[in-house]
Amino acid sequence: MTQKKNPHKVIHRKLGKERAYGLAHTEDNLMELDERLTGYRYMLYALHEHFHLKHPKWSETKVRQECSKTARFMWNLGFRKVDIK
């Protein structure tokens, strides 16, 4: 099975100055995630920014609702981020 390439470019960096855990740049199909996020919060914010990029016309409320439901569903199924180096 061939692996699909990530549809968005993802940058990990500290976002303290921006007072955010994630940022979406729709014009560049780019998301930035705070490098300090781990576990469930990483999944939640990655999904949040993904939904902003995938559905730019959705309201912030809609994005929050959908990413929360999706993250909880995936987490309950046992999905976790594993760093392999």
N, C-alpha and C. Protein backbone atom coordinates (compact mmCIF):
# COMPACT_ATOMS: atom_id res chain seq x y z
N MET A 1 0.86 -1.18 0.00
CA MET A 1 0.00 0.00 0.00
C MET A 1 0.90 1.24 0.00
N THR A 2 0.65 2.16 -0.90
CA THR A 2 1.45 3.37 -0.95
C THR A 2 0.94 4.37 0.07
N GLN A 3 1.88 5.09 0.65
CA GLN A 3 1.54 6.07 1.66
C GLN A 3 1.27 7.42 0.99
N LYS A 4 0.19 8.07 1.38
CA LYS A 4 -0.12 9.39 0.83
C LYS A 4 0.73 10.44 1.54
N LYS A 5 1.15 11.42 0.77
CA LYS A 5 1.92 12.51 1.33
C LYS A 5 1.00 13.41 2.16
N ASN A 6 1.54 13.96 3.23
CA ASN A 6 0.78 14.87 4.07
C ASN A 6 0.27 16.02 3.19
N PRO A 7 -1.05 16.30 3.23
CA PRO A 7 -1.60 17.33 2.35
C PRO A 7 -1.21 18.75 2.76
N HIS A 8 -0.73 18.93 3.96
CA HIS A 8 -0.35 20.25 4.45
C HIS A 8 1.11 20.25 4.87
N LYS A 9 1.74 21.38 4.71
CA LYS A 9 3.07 21.53 5.27
C LYS A 9 2.89 21.86 6.74
N VAL A 10 3.68 21.22 7.60
CA VAL A 10 3.56 21.42 9.04
C VAL A 10 4.90 21.89 9.58
N ILE A 11 4.85 22.99 10.32
CA ILE A 11 6.04 23.52 10.98
C ILE A 11 5.82 23.43 12.48
N HIS A 12 6.82 22.92 13.19
CA HIS A 12 6.76 22.84 14.65
C HIS A 12 7.73 23.89 15.21
N ARG A 13 7.19 24.80 16.02
CA ARG A 13 8.02 25.82 16.67
C ARG A 13 7.26 26.33 17.87
N LYS A 14 7.96 27.05 18.75
CA LYS A 14 7.31 27.64 19.91
C LYS A 14 6.45 28.81 19.43
N LEU A 15 5.20 28.84 19.88
CA LEU A 15 4.26 29.89 19.45
C LEU A 15 3.86 30.79 20.62
N GLY A 16 4.72 30.93 21.59
CA GLY A 16 4.41 31.75 22.77
C GLY A 16 4.10 33.20 22.42
N LYS A 17 4.88 33.80 21.54
CA LYS A 17 4.65 35.20 21.16
C LYS A 17 3.29 35.39 20.49
N GLU A 18 2.84 34.37 19.78
CA GLU A 18 1.56 34.43 19.08
C GLU A 18 0.39 34.12 20.00
N ARG A 19 0.70 33.66 21.22
CA ARG A 19 -0.34 33.27 22.18
C ARG A 19 -1.30 32.26 21.56
N ALA A 20 -0.72 31.23 20.94
CA ALA A 20 -1.52 30.21 20.26
C ALA A 20 -0.80 28.87 20.39
N TYR A 21 -1.56 27.81 20.23
CA TYR A 21 -0.98 26.46 20.16
C TYR A 21 -0.85 26.02 18.72
N GLY A 22 -1.58 26.68 17.83
CA GLY A 22 -1.49 26.35 16.42
C GLY A 22 -1.97 27.52 15.58
N LEU A 23 -1.47 27.56 14.35
CA LEU A 23 -1.86 28.59 13.40
C LEU A 23 -2.06 27.93 12.04
N ALA A 24 -3.03 28.41 11.29
CA ALA A 24 -3.26 27.91 9.93
C ALA A 24 -3.11 29.05 8.95
N HIS A 25 -2.36 28.80 7.89
CA HIS A 25 -2.15 29.78 6.83
C HIS A 25 -2.74 29.17 5.55
N THR A 26 -4.00 29.49 5.29
CA THR A 26 -4.71 28.85 4.18
C THR A 26 -4.08 29.15 2.83
N GLU A 27 -3.56 30.36 2.65
CA GLU A 27 -2.99 30.73 1.37
C GLU A 27 -1.75 29.90 1.02
N ASP A 28 -1.07 29.38 2.03
CA ASP A 28 0.14 28.57 1.83
C ASP A 28 -0.07 27.09 2.12
N ASN A 29 -1.31 26.71 2.49
CA ASN A 29 -1.61 25.33 2.89
C ASN A 29 -0.62 24.86 3.96
N LEU A 30 -0.41 25.73 4.95
CA LEU A 30 0.61 25.55 5.98
C LEU A 30 -0.01 25.64 7.36
N MET A 31 0.40 24.75 8.25
CA MET A 31 0.00 24.88 9.64
C MET A 31 1.25 24.91 10.51
N GLU A 32 1.15 25.69 11.57
CA GLU A 32 2.22 25.75 12.56
C GLU A 32 1.66 25.21 13.86
N LEU A 33 2.40 24.31 14.50
CA LEU A 33 2.00 23.75 15.78
C LEU A 33 3.09 24.00 16.79
N ASP A 34 2.69 24.33 18.01
CA ASP A 34 3.66 24.56 19.06
C ASP A 34 4.41 23.26 19.33
N GLU A 35 5.71 23.33 19.31
CA GLU A 35 6.54 22.14 19.47
C GLU A 35 6.44 21.51 20.85
N ARG A 36 5.86 22.21 21.80
CA ARG A 36 5.74 21.68 23.17
C ARG A 36 4.47 20.86 23.37
N LEU A 37 3.59 20.82 22.38
CA LEU A 37 2.37 20.02 22.50
C LEU A 37 2.70 18.53 22.48
N THR A 38 1.99 17.79 23.31
CA THR A 38 2.17 16.34 23.34
C THR A 38 0.80 15.68 23.50
N GLY A 39 0.77 14.39 23.24
CA GLY A 39 -0.40 13.57 23.51
C GLY A 39 -1.69 14.08 22.88
N TYR A 40 -2.74 14.04 23.70
CA TYR A 40 -4.07 14.41 23.23
C TYR A 40 -4.12 15.85 22.71
N ARG A 41 -3.44 16.76 23.40
CA ARG A 41 -3.47 18.17 22.97
C ARG A 41 -2.82 18.34 21.59
N TYR A 42 -1.77 17.57 21.31
CA TYR A 42 -1.16 17.63 19.98
C TYR A 42 -2.18 17.21 18.92
N MET A 43 -2.86 16.10 19.18
CA MET A 43 -3.87 15.62 18.24
C MET A 43 -4.98 16.66 18.06
N LEU A 44 -5.45 17.21 19.15
CA LEU A 44 -6.54 18.18 19.11
C LEU A 44 -6.17 19.40 18.26
N TYR A 45 -5.00 19.98 18.50
CA TYR A 45 -4.61 21.18 17.77
C TYR A 45 -4.21 20.88 16.32
N ALA A 46 -3.64 19.71 16.07
CA ALA A 46 -3.34 19.33 14.68
C ALA A 46 -4.63 19.21 13.89
N LEU A 47 -5.64 18.57 14.48
CA LEU A 47 -6.94 18.47 13.81
C LEU A 47 -7.59 19.84 13.64
N HIS A 48 -7.47 20.68 14.66
CA HIS A 48 -8.05 22.02 14.61
C HIS A 48 -7.50 22.79 13.40
N GLU A 49 -6.19 22.81 13.28
CA GLU A 49 -5.59 23.55 12.16
C GLU A 49 -5.88 22.87 10.83
N HIS A 50 -5.93 21.54 10.82
CA HIS A 50 -6.29 20.81 9.61
C HIS A 50 -7.68 21.23 9.13
N PHE A 51 -8.65 21.31 10.05
CA PHE A 51 -10.01 21.69 9.67
C PHE A 51 -10.05 23.13 9.16
N HIS A 52 -9.23 24.02 9.73
CA HIS A 52 -9.17 25.39 9.21
C HIS A 52 -8.70 25.38 7.76
N LEU A 53 -7.69 24.56 7.46
CA LEU A 53 -7.16 24.50 6.10
C LEU A 53 -8.11 23.80 5.14
N LYS A 54 -8.74 22.75 5.60
CA LYS A 54 -9.63 21.95 4.76
C LYS A 54 -10.98 22.64 4.52
N HIS A 55 -11.45 23.37 5.52
CA HIS A 55 -12.78 24.02 5.45
C HIS A 55 -12.65 25.50 5.86
N PRO A 56 -12.04 26.32 5.02
CA PRO A 56 -11.78 27.72 5.40
C PRO A 56 -13.03 28.55 5.67
N LYS A 57 -14.19 28.11 5.21
CA LYS A 57 -15.42 28.88 5.43
C LYS A 57 -16.12 28.52 6.73
N TRP A 58 -15.66 27.46 7.41
CA TRP A 58 -16.28 27.08 8.68
C TRP A 58 -15.99 28.14 9.72
N SER A 59 -16.95 28.35 10.62
CA SER A 59 -16.74 29.28 11.74
C SER A 59 -15.78 28.64 12.75
N GLU A 60 -15.23 29.46 13.62
CA GLU A 60 -14.35 28.95 14.68
C GLU A 60 -15.10 27.96 15.57
N THR A 61 -16.37 28.24 15.83
CA THR A 61 -17.19 27.33 16.66
C THR A 61 -17.32 25.97 16.00
N LYS A 62 -17.59 25.95 14.70
CA LYS A 62 -17.73 24.70 13.96
C LYS A 62 -16.41 23.92 13.98
N VAL A 63 -15.29 24.62 13.76
CA VAL A 63 -13.98 23.97 13.78
C VAL A 63 -13.73 23.34 15.15
N ARG A 64 -13.99 24.10 16.21
CA ARG A 64 -13.79 23.57 17.57
C ARG A 64 -14.64 22.34 17.84
N GLN A 65 -15.89 22.38 17.44
CA GLN A 65 -16.78 21.24 17.67
C GLN A 65 -16.30 20.01 16.93
N GLU A 66 -15.98 20.17 15.66
CA GLU A 66 -15.59 19.02 14.84
C GLU A 66 -14.24 18.45 15.26
N CYS A 67 -13.27 19.31 15.58
CA CYS A 67 -11.97 18.77 15.97
C CYS A 67 -12.05 18.10 17.33
N SER A 68 -12.87 18.63 18.21
CA SER A 68 -13.04 18.02 19.53
C SER A 68 -13.66 16.63 19.42
N LYS A 69 -14.72 16.52 18.62
CA LYS A 69 -15.38 15.22 18.43
C LYS A 69 -14.43 14.22 17.77
N THR A 70 -13.71 14.67 16.76
CA THR A 70 -12.81 13.78 16.03
C THR A 70 -11.63 13.34 16.90
N ALA A 71 -11.03 14.28 17.63
CA ALA A 71 -9.90 13.94 18.50
C ALA A 71 -10.31 12.96 19.58
N ARG A 72 -11.47 13.19 20.19
CA ARG A 72 -11.95 12.29 21.24
C ARG A 72 -12.20 10.89 20.68
N PHE A 73 -12.81 10.82 19.49
CA PHE A 73 -13.07 9.54 18.83
C PHE A 73 -11.76 8.80 18.56
N MET A 74 -10.79 9.49 17.96
CA MET A 74 -9.51 8.86 17.62
C MET A 74 -8.74 8.44 18.88
N TRP A 75 -8.76 9.28 19.91
CA TRP A 75 -8.05 8.98 21.15
C TRP A 75 -8.67 7.75 21.82
N ASN A 76 -9.99 7.67 21.83
CA ASN A 76 -10.67 6.53 22.44
C ASN A 76 -10.42 5.23 21.67
N LEU A 77 -10.11 5.34 20.38
CA LEU A 77 -9.74 4.16 19.60
C LEU A 77 -8.30 3.71 19.88
N GLY A 78 -7.54 4.58 20.54
CA GLY A 78 -6.17 4.22 20.90
C GLY A 78 -5.09 4.86 20.05
N PHE A 79 -5.46 5.79 19.19
CA PHE A 79 -4.45 6.45 18.37
C PHE A 79 -3.57 7.34 19.23
N ARG A 80 -2.25 7.23 19.01
CA ARG A 80 -1.26 8.01 19.74
C ARG A 80 -0.15 8.40 18.78
N LYS A 81 0.51 9.50 19.07
CA LYS A 81 1.66 9.93 18.27
C LYS A 81 2.89 9.28 18.87
N VAL A 82 3.68 8.64 18.01
CA VAL A 82 4.90 7.99 18.45
C VAL A 82 6.05 8.57 17.64
N ASP A 83 7.07 9.05 18.33
CA ASP A 83 8.25 9.57 17.65
C ASP A 83 9.24 8.44 17.47
N ILE A 84 9.57 8.14 16.22
CA ILE A 84 10.56 7.11 15.91
C ILE A 84 11.77 7.82 15.34
N LYS A 85 12.88 7.68 16.01
CA LYS A 85 14.10 8.38 15.58
C LYS A 85 15.21 7.40 15.32
